[in-house]
């Protein structure tokens, strides 16, 4: 399970999975390095953080079980679960869809309004998407710099500020993915699908070009299992398997 499923060490009573806007969980981590050790406003000591403890156990175990989306996040942004000799993927017929969801960049109307983001002027002109992404990156970078100029670690930070900073960090990662020189918008494997609910949505046309770096390189051997595989050859092609 992800960080949001774990209460913090010092404030477990503030965890409320039914009210995520005000719930304090390990997803609101403020871990930062101070000289030769790590500190967090919500978990002290950091090594006893419920999420960190569970993750360390999983990493050290010869057998760990996660959902596919969490695995993709961990191996691509953290790296702790990668490099296993054998990785078994159950319900493998959904693997392409999960990888597509992981790579897709979706910015909700609420997020556009919160951070006063620009929107693509020409939704059907691919050349304008890159200009929009570059403009948005500059805007988001300014917001990040402004946030860093504020006192970061008070006696106890405002939870709303922490959640906003985490949303901003996620947004910056999404925009950077669109600007990636190897896999981003310049490569032409993207479509704009931003008509639904006024969201800004960019999806890859196919996940095959990304599968090696995002998925296959993170394991030595793979076993894909499913009761509903229609065509092995089609699945191999869709998932970029040689």
C-alpha atoms as a PDB file:
ATOM      1  CA  UNK A   1       0.000   0.000   0.000  1.00  0.00           C
ATOM      2  CA  UNK A   2       1.073   3.580  -0.600  1.00  0.00           C
ATOM      3  CA  UNK A   3       1.980   6.237   1.951  1.00  0.00           C
ATOM      4  CA  UNK A   4      -1.569   7.575   2.210  1.00  0.00           C
ATOM      5  CA  UNK A   5      -2.672   4.286   3.801  1.00  0.00           C
ATOM      6  CA  UNK A   6      -0.456   4.702   6.862  1.00  0.00           C
ATOM      7  CA  UNK A   7      -0.986   6.963   9.903  1.00  0.00           C
ATOM      8  CA  UNK A   8       2.036   8.894  11.115  1.00  0.00           C
ATOM      9  CA  UNK A   9       4.079   7.777  14.093  1.00  0.00           C
ATOM     10  CA  UNK A  10       3.505  10.827  16.305  1.00  0.00           C
ATOM     11  CA  UNK A  11      -0.071  11.721  15.329  1.00  0.00           C
ATOM     12  CA  UNK A  12      -1.982   8.499  14.569  1.00  0.00           C
ATOM     13  CA  UNK A  13      -5.276   9.996  15.776  1.00  0.00           C
ATOM     14  CA  UNK A  14      -5.212  12.571  12.970  1.00  0.00           C
ATOM     15  CA  UNK A  15      -5.429   9.847  10.327  1.00  0.00           C
ATOM     16  CA  UNK A  16      -8.858   9.651   8.662  1.00  0.00           C
ATOM     17  CA  UNK A  17      -9.064   7.652   5.415  1.00  0.00           C
ATOM     18  CA  UNK A  18     -12.633   8.885   4.911  1.00  0.00           C
ATOM     19  CA  UNK A  19     -11.649  12.558   4.882  1.00  0.00           C
ATOM     20  CA  UNK A  20      -8.403  12.795   2.930  1.00  0.00           C
ATOM     21  CA  UNK A  21      -8.453  16.594   2.698  1.00  0.00           C
ATOM     22  CA  UNK A  22      -7.829  16.869   6.443  1.00  0.00           C
ATOM     23  CA  UNK A  23      -6.321  13.457   7.180  1.00  0.00           C
ATOM     24  CA  UNK A  24      -2.674  13.377   8.245  1.00  0.00           C
ATOM     25  CA  UNK A  25      -0.909  10.369   6.754  1.00  0.00           C
ATOM     26  CA  UNK A  26       2.582   9.342   5.720  1.00  0.00           C
ATOM     27  CA  UNK A  27       1.801  10.841   2.301  1.00  0.00           C
ATOM     28  CA  UNK A  28       2.264  14.222   4.010  1.00  0.00           C
ATOM     29  CA  UNK A  29       5.881  13.391   4.794  1.00  0.00           C
ATOM     30  CA  UNK A  30       8.240  16.311   5.468  1.00  0.00           C
ATOM     31  CA  UNK A  31      11.376  14.172   5.751  1.00  0.00           C
ATOM     32  CA  UNK A  32      14.512  16.267   5.338  1.00  0.00           C
ATOM     33  CA  UNK A  33      18.179  15.798   6.109  1.00  0.00           C
ATOM     34  CA  UNK A  34      19.750  17.648   9.030  1.00  0.00           C
ATOM     35  CA  UNK A  35      23.554  17.277   9.092  1.00  0.00           C
ATOM     36  CA  UNK A  36      24.014  13.492   9.334  1.00  0.00           C
ATOM     37  CA  UNK A  37      20.455  12.277   9.962  1.00  0.00           C
ATOM     38  CA  UNK A  38      16.880  12.533   8.689  1.00  0.00           C
ATOM     39  CA  UNK A  39      14.022  14.301  10.449  1.00  0.00           C
ATOM     40  CA  UNK A  40      10.266  14.485   9.862  1.00  0.00           C
ATOM     41  CA  UNK A  41       7.673  16.657  11.567  1.00  0.00           C
ATOM     42  CA  UNK A  42       5.236  13.758  11.855  1.00  0.00           C
ATOM     43  CA  UNK A  43       7.491  10.741  12.542  1.00  0.00           C
ATOM     44  CA  UNK A  44      10.363  10.854  15.012  1.00  0.00           C
ATOM     45  CA  UNK A  45      12.565   8.898  14.668  1.00  0.00           C
ATOM     46  CA  UNK A  46      12.098   8.544  10.918  1.00  0.00           C
ATOM     47  CA  UNK A  47      13.152   4.882  10.933  1.00  0.00           C
ATOM     48  CA  UNK A  48      10.087   4.090  13.040  1.00  0.00           C
ATOM     49  CA  UNK A  49       7.697   5.676  10.549  1.00  0.00           C
ATOM     50  CA  UNK A  50       4.947   3.077   9.920  1.00  0.00           C
ATOM     51  CA  UNK A  51       5.274   3.406   6.153  1.00  0.00           C
ATOM     52  CA  UNK A  52       9.077   3.329   6.191  1.00  0.00           C
ATOM     53  CA  UNK A  53       9.048   0.275   8.471  1.00  0.00           C
ATOM     54  CA  UNK A  54       6.645  -1.609   6.203  1.00  0.00           C
ATOM     55  CA  UNK A  55       8.652  -0.677   3.127  1.00  0.00           C
ATOM     56  CA  UNK A  56      11.960  -1.759   4.669  1.00  0.00           C
ATOM     57  CA  UNK A  57      10.404  -5.115   5.537  1.00  0.00           C
ATOM     58  CA  UNK A  58       9.181  -5.535   1.962  1.00  0.00           C
ATOM     59  CA  UNK A  59      12.556  -4.613   0.478  1.00  0.00           C
ATOM     60  CA  UNK A  60      14.407  -7.053   2.737  1.00  0.00           C
ATOM     61  CA  UNK A  61      11.931  -9.868   2.200  1.00  0.00           C
ATOM     62  CA  UNK A  62      12.588 -12.463  -0.525  1.00  0.00           C
ATOM     63  CA  UNK A  63       8.917 -12.148  -1.464  1.00  0.00           C
ATOM     64  CA  UNK A  64       7.020  -8.849  -1.610  1.00  0.00           C
ATOM     65  CA  UNK A  65       3.476  -8.263  -2.882  1.00  0.00           C
ATOM     66  CA  UNK A  66       2.305  -4.900  -4.240  1.00  0.00           C
ATOM     67  CA  UNK A  67      -0.239  -3.680  -6.757  1.00  0.00           C
ATOM     68  CA  UNK A  68       1.153  -2.904 -10.207  1.00  0.00           C
ATOM     69  CA  UNK A  69       0.747   0.870 -10.025  1.00  0.00           C
ATOM     70  CA  UNK A  70       2.621   1.065  -6.720  1.00  0.00           C
ATOM     71  CA  UNK A  71       5.401  -1.118  -8.142  1.00  0.00           C
ATOM     72  CA  UNK A  72       5.769   1.218 -11.140  1.00  0.00           C
ATOM     73  CA  UNK A  73       5.959   4.247  -8.857  1.00  0.00           C
ATOM     74  CA  UNK A  74       8.524   2.677  -6.548  1.00  0.00           C
ATOM     75  CA  UNK A  75      10.920   1.384  -9.203  1.00  0.00           C
ATOM     76  CA  UNK A  76      10.784   4.570 -11.287  1.00  0.00           C
ATOM     77  CA  UNK A  77      10.971   7.209  -8.563  1.00  0.00           C
ATOM     78  CA  UNK A  78      12.493   5.471  -5.551  1.00  0.00           C
ATOM     79  CA  UNK A  79      14.164   2.333  -6.844  1.00  0.00           C
ATOM     80  CA  UNK A  80      13.915   0.245  -3.702  1.00  0.00           C
ATOM     81  CA  UNK A  81      11.917  -2.674  -5.145  1.00  0.00           C
ATOM     82  CA  UNK A  82      13.701  -2.976  -8.476  1.00  0.00           C
ATOM     83  CA  UNK A  83      16.234  -5.530  -9.637  1.00  0.00           C
ATOM     84  CA  UNK A  84      14.490  -8.677  -8.381  1.00  0.00           C
ATOM     85  CA  UNK A  85      15.383 -11.975 -10.013  1.00  0.00           C
ATOM     86  CA  UNK A  86      11.745 -12.894 -10.668  1.00  0.00           C
ATOM     87  CA  UNK A  87       8.698 -10.632 -10.882  1.00  0.00           C
ATOM     88  CA  UNK A  88       5.257 -12.189 -11.225  1.00  0.00           C
ATOM     89  CA  UNK A  89       2.468 -10.051 -12.700  1.00  0.00           C
ATOM     90  CA  UNK A  90      -1.033 -11.369 -12.124  1.00  0.00           C
ATOM     91  CA  UNK A  91      -3.960 -10.134 -14.246  1.00  0.00           C
ATOM     92  CA  UNK A  92      -1.385  -9.345 -16.917  1.00  0.00           C
ATOM     93  CA  UNK A  93      -4.112  -8.480 -19.417  1.00  0.00           C
ATOM     94  CA  UNK A  94      -4.446  -5.173 -17.511  1.00  0.00           C
ATOM     95  CA  UNK A  95      -0.722  -4.396 -17.559  1.00  0.00           C
ATOM     96  CA  UNK A  96      -0.839  -2.212 -20.676  1.00  0.00           C
ATOM     97  CA  UNK A  97      -3.741  -0.186 -19.249  1.00  0.00           C
ATOM     98  CA  UNK A  98      -1.953   0.274 -15.920  1.00  0.00           C
ATOM     99  CA  UNK A  99       1.249   1.401 -17.626  1.00  0.00           C
ATOM    100  CA  UNK A 100      -0.791   3.787 -19.787  1.00  0.00           C
ATOM    101  CA  UNK A 101      -2.397   5.249 -16.662  1.00  0.00           C
ATOM    102  CA  UNK A 102       1.009   5.628 -14.983  1.00  0.00           C
ATOM    103  CA  UNK A 103       2.497   7.538 -17.920  1.00  0.00           C
ATOM    104  CA  UNK A 104      -0.583   9.667 -18.684  1.00  0.00           C
ATOM    105  CA  UNK A 105      -0.487  13.253 -17.460  1.00  0.00           C
ATOM    106  CA  UNK A 106      -3.847  14.464 -16.160  1.00  0.00           C
ATOM    107  CA  UNK A 107      -4.331  17.896 -14.613  1.00  0.00           C
ATOM    108  CA  UNK A 108      -7.801  18.453 -13.232  1.00  0.00           C
ATOM    109  CA  UNK A 109      -9.724  21.685 -13.579  1.00  0.00           C
ATOM    110  CA  UNK A 110      -9.463  22.101  -9.815  1.00  0.00           C
ATOM    111  CA  UNK A 111      -5.656  21.934 -10.044  1.00  0.00           C
ATOM    112  CA  UNK A 112      -5.633  24.376 -12.971  1.00  0.00           C
ATOM    113  CA  UNK A 113      -7.582  26.864 -10.870  1.00  0.00           C
ATOM    114  CA  UNK A 114      -5.557  26.277  -7.696  1.00  0.00           C
ATOM    115  CA  UNK A 115      -2.216  27.038  -9.360  1.00  0.00           C
ATOM    116  CA  UNK A 116      -3.602  29.430 -12.014  1.00  0.00           C
ATOM    117  CA  UNK A 117      -2.137  27.330 -14.809  1.00  0.00           C
ATOM    118  CA  UNK A 118      -2.273  28.279 -18.482  1.00  0.00           C
ATOM    119  CA  UNK A 119      -4.264  25.997 -20.786  1.00  0.00           C
ATOM    120  CA  UNK A 120      -3.344  24.842 -24.304  1.00  0.00           C
ATOM    121  CA  UNK A 121      -4.522  27.441 -26.846  1.00  0.00           C
ATOM    122  CA  UNK A 122      -4.775  25.062 -29.800  1.00  0.00           C
ATOM    123  CA  UNK A 123      -5.948  21.716 -28.537  1.00  0.00           C
ATOM    124  CA  UNK A 124      -5.723  20.030 -31.927  1.00  0.00           C
ATOM    125  CA  UNK A 125      -2.301  21.427 -32.951  1.00  0.00           C
ATOM    126  CA  UNK A 126       0.492  19.234 -31.590  1.00  0.00           C
ATOM    127  CA  UNK A 127       3.167  21.931 -32.042  1.00  0.00           C
ATOM    128  CA  UNK A 128       1.336  24.174 -29.560  1.00  0.00           C
ATOM    129  CA  UNK A 129       1.394  21.521 -26.824  1.00  0.00           C
ATOM    130  CA  UNK A 130       5.152  21.846 -26.352  1.00  0.00           C
ATOM    131  CA  UNK A 131       4.897  25.639 -26.011  1.00  0.00           C
ATOM    132  CA  UNK A 132       2.171  25.190 -23.419  1.00  0.00           C
ATOM    133  CA  UNK A 133       4.284  22.650 -21.475  1.00  0.00           C
ATOM    134  CA  UNK A 134       7.308  24.967 -21.462  1.00  0.00           C
ATOM    135  CA  UNK A 135       5.205  27.919 -20.316  1.00  0.00           C
ATOM    136  CA  UNK A 136       3.575  25.795 -17.616  1.00  0.00           C
ATOM    137  CA  UNK A 137       6.950  24.524 -16.395  1.00  0.00           C
ATOM    138  CA  UNK A 138       8.228  28.091 -15.979  1.00  0.00           C
ATOM    139  CA  UNK A 139       5.074  29.011 -14.066  1.00  0.00           C
ATOM    140  CA  UNK A 140       5.290  25.953 -11.796  1.00  0.00           C
ATOM    141  CA  UNK A 141       9.019  26.513 -11.180  1.00  0.00           C
ATOM    142  CA  UNK A 142       8.206  30.045  -9.991  1.00  0.00           C
ATOM    143  CA  UNK A 143       5.612  28.657  -7.578  1.00  0.00           C
ATOM    144  CA  UNK A 144       8.124  26.124  -6.251  1.00  0.00           C
ATOM    145  CA  UNK A 145      10.767  28.810  -5.717  1.00  0.00           C
ATOM    146  CA  UNK A 146       8.220  30.978  -3.927  1.00  0.00           C
ATOM    147  CA  UNK A 147       7.337  28.065  -1.655  1.00  0.00           C
ATOM    148  CA  UNK A 148      11.003  27.380  -0.859  1.00  0.00           C
ATOM    149  CA  UNK A 149      11.474  30.993   0.172  1.00  0.00           C
ATOM    150  CA  UNK A 150       8.980  30.472   2.978  1.00  0.00           C
ATOM    151  CA  UNK A 151      10.050  29.017   6.342  1.00  0.00           C
ATOM    152  CA  UNK A 152      10.020  25.304   5.542  1.00  0.00           C
ATOM    153  CA  UNK A 153      10.100  23.636   8.887  1.00  0.00           C
ATOM    154  CA  UNK A 154       8.250  25.366  11.687  1.00  0.00           C
ATOM    155  CA  UNK A 155       7.548  23.910  15.108  1.00  0.00           C
ATOM    156  CA  UNK A 156       4.681  22.127  13.374  1.00  0.00           C
ATOM    157  CA  UNK A 157       3.921  22.965   9.753  1.00  0.00           C
ATOM    158  CA  UNK A 158       0.455  23.754   8.486  1.00  0.00           C
ATOM    159  CA  UNK A 159      -0.934  20.532   7.021  1.00  0.00           C
ATOM    160  CA  UNK A 160      -2.638  22.470   4.224  1.00  0.00           C
ATOM    161  CA  UNK A 161       0.712  23.950   3.169  1.00  0.00           C
ATOM    162  CA  UNK A 162       2.315  20.501   3.183  1.00  0.00           C
ATOM    163  CA  UNK A 163      -0.435  19.007   1.025  1.00  0.00           C
ATOM    164  CA  UNK A 164      -0.253  21.948  -1.389  1.00  0.00           C
ATOM    165  CA  UNK A 165       3.526  21.588  -1.682  1.00  0.00           C
ATOM    166  CA  UNK A 166       3.151  17.868  -2.430  1.00  0.00           C
ATOM    167  CA  UNK A 167       0.549  18.591  -5.121  1.00  0.00           C
ATOM    168  CA  UNK A 168       2.910  21.131  -6.628  1.00  0.00           C
ATOM    169  CA  UNK A 169       5.760  18.622  -6.621  1.00  0.00           C
ATOM    170  CA  UNK A 170       3.583  16.039  -8.394  1.00  0.00           C
ATOM    171  CA  UNK A 171       2.529  18.620 -10.966  1.00  0.00           C
ATOM    172  CA  UNK A 172       6.131  19.548 -11.706  1.00  0.00           C
ATOM    173  CA  UNK A 173       7.036  15.871 -12.210  1.00  0.00           C
ATOM    174  CA  UNK A 174       4.135  15.487 -14.658  1.00  0.00           C
ATOM    175  CA  UNK A 175       5.161  18.521 -16.699  1.00  0.00           C
ATOM    176  CA  UNK A 176       8.787  17.380 -16.751  1.00  0.00           C
ATOM    177  CA  UNK A 177       7.616  14.039 -18.162  1.00  0.00           C
ATOM    178  CA  UNK A 178       5.982  15.864 -21.062  1.00  0.00           C
ATOM    179  CA  UNK A 179       9.228  17.747 -21.682  1.00  0.00           C
ATOM    180  CA  UNK A 180      11.479  14.696 -21.448  1.00  0.00           C
ATOM    181  CA  UNK A 181      13.777  14.773 -24.533  1.00  0.00           C
ATOM    182  CA  UNK A 182      13.519  10.991 -24.983  1.00  0.00           C
ATOM    183  CA  UNK A 183       9.867  10.258 -24.258  1.00  0.00           C
ATOM    184  CA  UNK A 184       8.107  13.633 -24.155  1.00  0.00           C
ATOM    185  CA  UNK A 185       5.871  15.587 -26.500  1.00  0.00           C
ATOM    186  CA  UNK A 186       8.674  16.273 -28.971  1.00  0.00           C
ATOM    187  CA  UNK A 187       8.741  12.591 -29.890  1.00  0.00           C
ATOM    188  CA  UNK A 188       5.187  12.756 -31.228  1.00  0.00           C
ATOM    189  CA  UNK A 189       3.772   9.704 -29.433  1.00  0.00           C
ATOM    190  CA  UNK A 190       1.153  11.721 -27.537  1.00  0.00           C
ATOM    191  CA  UNK A 191      -2.458  12.764 -27.984  1.00  0.00           C
ATOM    192  CA  UNK A 192      -4.345  15.545 -26.237  1.00  0.00           C
ATOM    193  CA  UNK A 193      -7.508  14.295 -24.563  1.00  0.00           C
ATOM    194  CA  UNK A 194      -8.478  17.348 -22.561  1.00  0.00           C
ATOM    195  CA  UNK A 195     -12.129  17.691 -23.397  1.00  0.00           C
ATOM    196  CA  UNK A 196     -13.526  15.598 -20.540  1.00  0.00           C
ATOM    197  CA  UNK A 197     -14.609  17.641 -17.501  1.00  0.00           C
ATOM    198  CA  UNK A 198     -12.299  20.486 -18.570  1.00  0.00           C
ATOM    199  CA  UNK A 199      -9.249  18.486 -17.529  1.00  0.00           C
ATOM    200  CA  UNK A 200      -5.897  18.757 -19.289  1.00  0.00           C
ATOM    201  CA  UNK A 201      -4.996  15.200 -20.300  1.00  0.00           C
ATOM    202  CA  UNK A 202      -2.053  13.986 -22.376  1.00  0.00           C
ATOM    203  CA  UNK A 203      -1.853  10.285 -23.181  1.00  0.00           C
ATOM    204  CA  UNK A 204       0.783   8.279 -25.066  1.00  0.00           C
ATOM    205  CA  UNK A 205      -0.569   6.711 -28.237  1.00  0.00           C
ATOM    206  CA  UNK A 206       1.132   3.443 -27.289  1.00  0.00           C
ATOM    207  CA  UNK A 207       3.128   2.429 -24.228  1.00  0.00           C
ATOM    208  CA  UNK A 208       5.482   0.120 -26.145  1.00  0.00           C
ATOM    209  CA  UNK A 209       8.277   2.743 -26.530  1.00  0.00           C
ATOM    210  CA  UNK A 210       8.275   3.368 -22.764  1.00  0.00           C
ATOM    211  CA  UNK A 211       7.881  -0.191 -21.487  1.00  0.00           C
ATOM    212  CA  UNK A 212      11.559  -1.099 -21.379  1.00  0.00           C
ATOM    213  CA  UNK A 213      12.629   1.848 -19.197  1.00  0.00           C
ATOM    214  CA  UNK A 214       9.483   2.103 -17.103  1.00  0.00           C
ATOM    215  CA  UNK A 215       8.937  -1.625 -16.585  1.00  0.00           C
ATOM    216  CA  UNK A 216      11.126  -4.401 -17.988  1.00  0.00           C
ATOM    217  CA  UNK A 217      14.539  -3.095 -16.923  1.00  0.00           C
ATOM    218  CA  UNK A 218      13.452  -3.254 -13.285  1.00  0.00           C
ATOM    219  CA  UNK A 219      13.424  -7.049 -13.159  1.00  0.00           C
ATOM    220  CA  UNK A 220      15.616  -9.910 -14.404  1.00  0.00           C
ATOM    221  CA  UNK A 221      12.924 -12.457 -15.248  1.00  0.00           C
ATOM    222  CA  UNK A 222       9.188 -11.956 -15.626  1.00  0.00           C
ATOM    223  CA  UNK A 223       6.171 -14.232 -15.373  1.00  0.00           C
ATOM    224  CA  UNK A 224       2.929 -12.742 -16.732  1.00  0.00           C
ATOM    225  CA  UNK A 225      -0.233 -14.576 -15.743  1.00  0.00           C
ATOM    226  CA  UNK A 226      -3.821 -14.061 -16.878  1.00  0.00           C
ATOM    227  CA  UNK A 227      -6.937 -16.093 -17.620  1.00  0.00           C
ATOM    228  CA  UNK A 228      -7.961 -13.700 -20.407  1.00  0.00           C
ATOM    229  CA  UNK A 229      -4.960 -13.280 -22.707  1.00  0.00           C
ATOM    230  CA  UNK A 230      -6.420 -13.197 -26.223  1.00  0.00           C
ATOM    231  CA  UNK A 231      -3.140 -13.061 -28.164  1.00  0.00           C
ATOM    232  CA  UNK A 232       0.352 -13.452 -26.767  1.00  0.00           C
ATOM    233  CA  UNK A 233       1.852 -11.861 -29.891  1.00  0.00           C
ATOM    234  CA  UNK A 234      -0.404  -8.810 -29.592  1.00  0.00           C
ATOM    235  CA  UNK A 235       0.437  -8.415 -25.913  1.00  0.00           C
ATOM    236  CA  UNK A 236       4.170  -8.629 -26.622  1.00  0.00           C
ATOM    237  CA  UNK A 237       3.865  -5.959 -29.295  1.00  0.00           C
ATOM    238  CA  UNK A 238       1.756  -3.650 -27.108  1.00  0.00           C
ATOM    239  CA  UNK A 239       4.196  -3.972 -24.203  1.00  0.00           C
ATOM    240  CA  UNK A 240       7.371  -3.572 -26.249  1.00  0.00           C
ATOM    241  CA  UNK A 241       8.631  -7.125 -25.687  1.00  0.00           C
ATOM    242  CA  UNK A 242      11.235  -8.304 -28.221  1.00  0.00           C
END
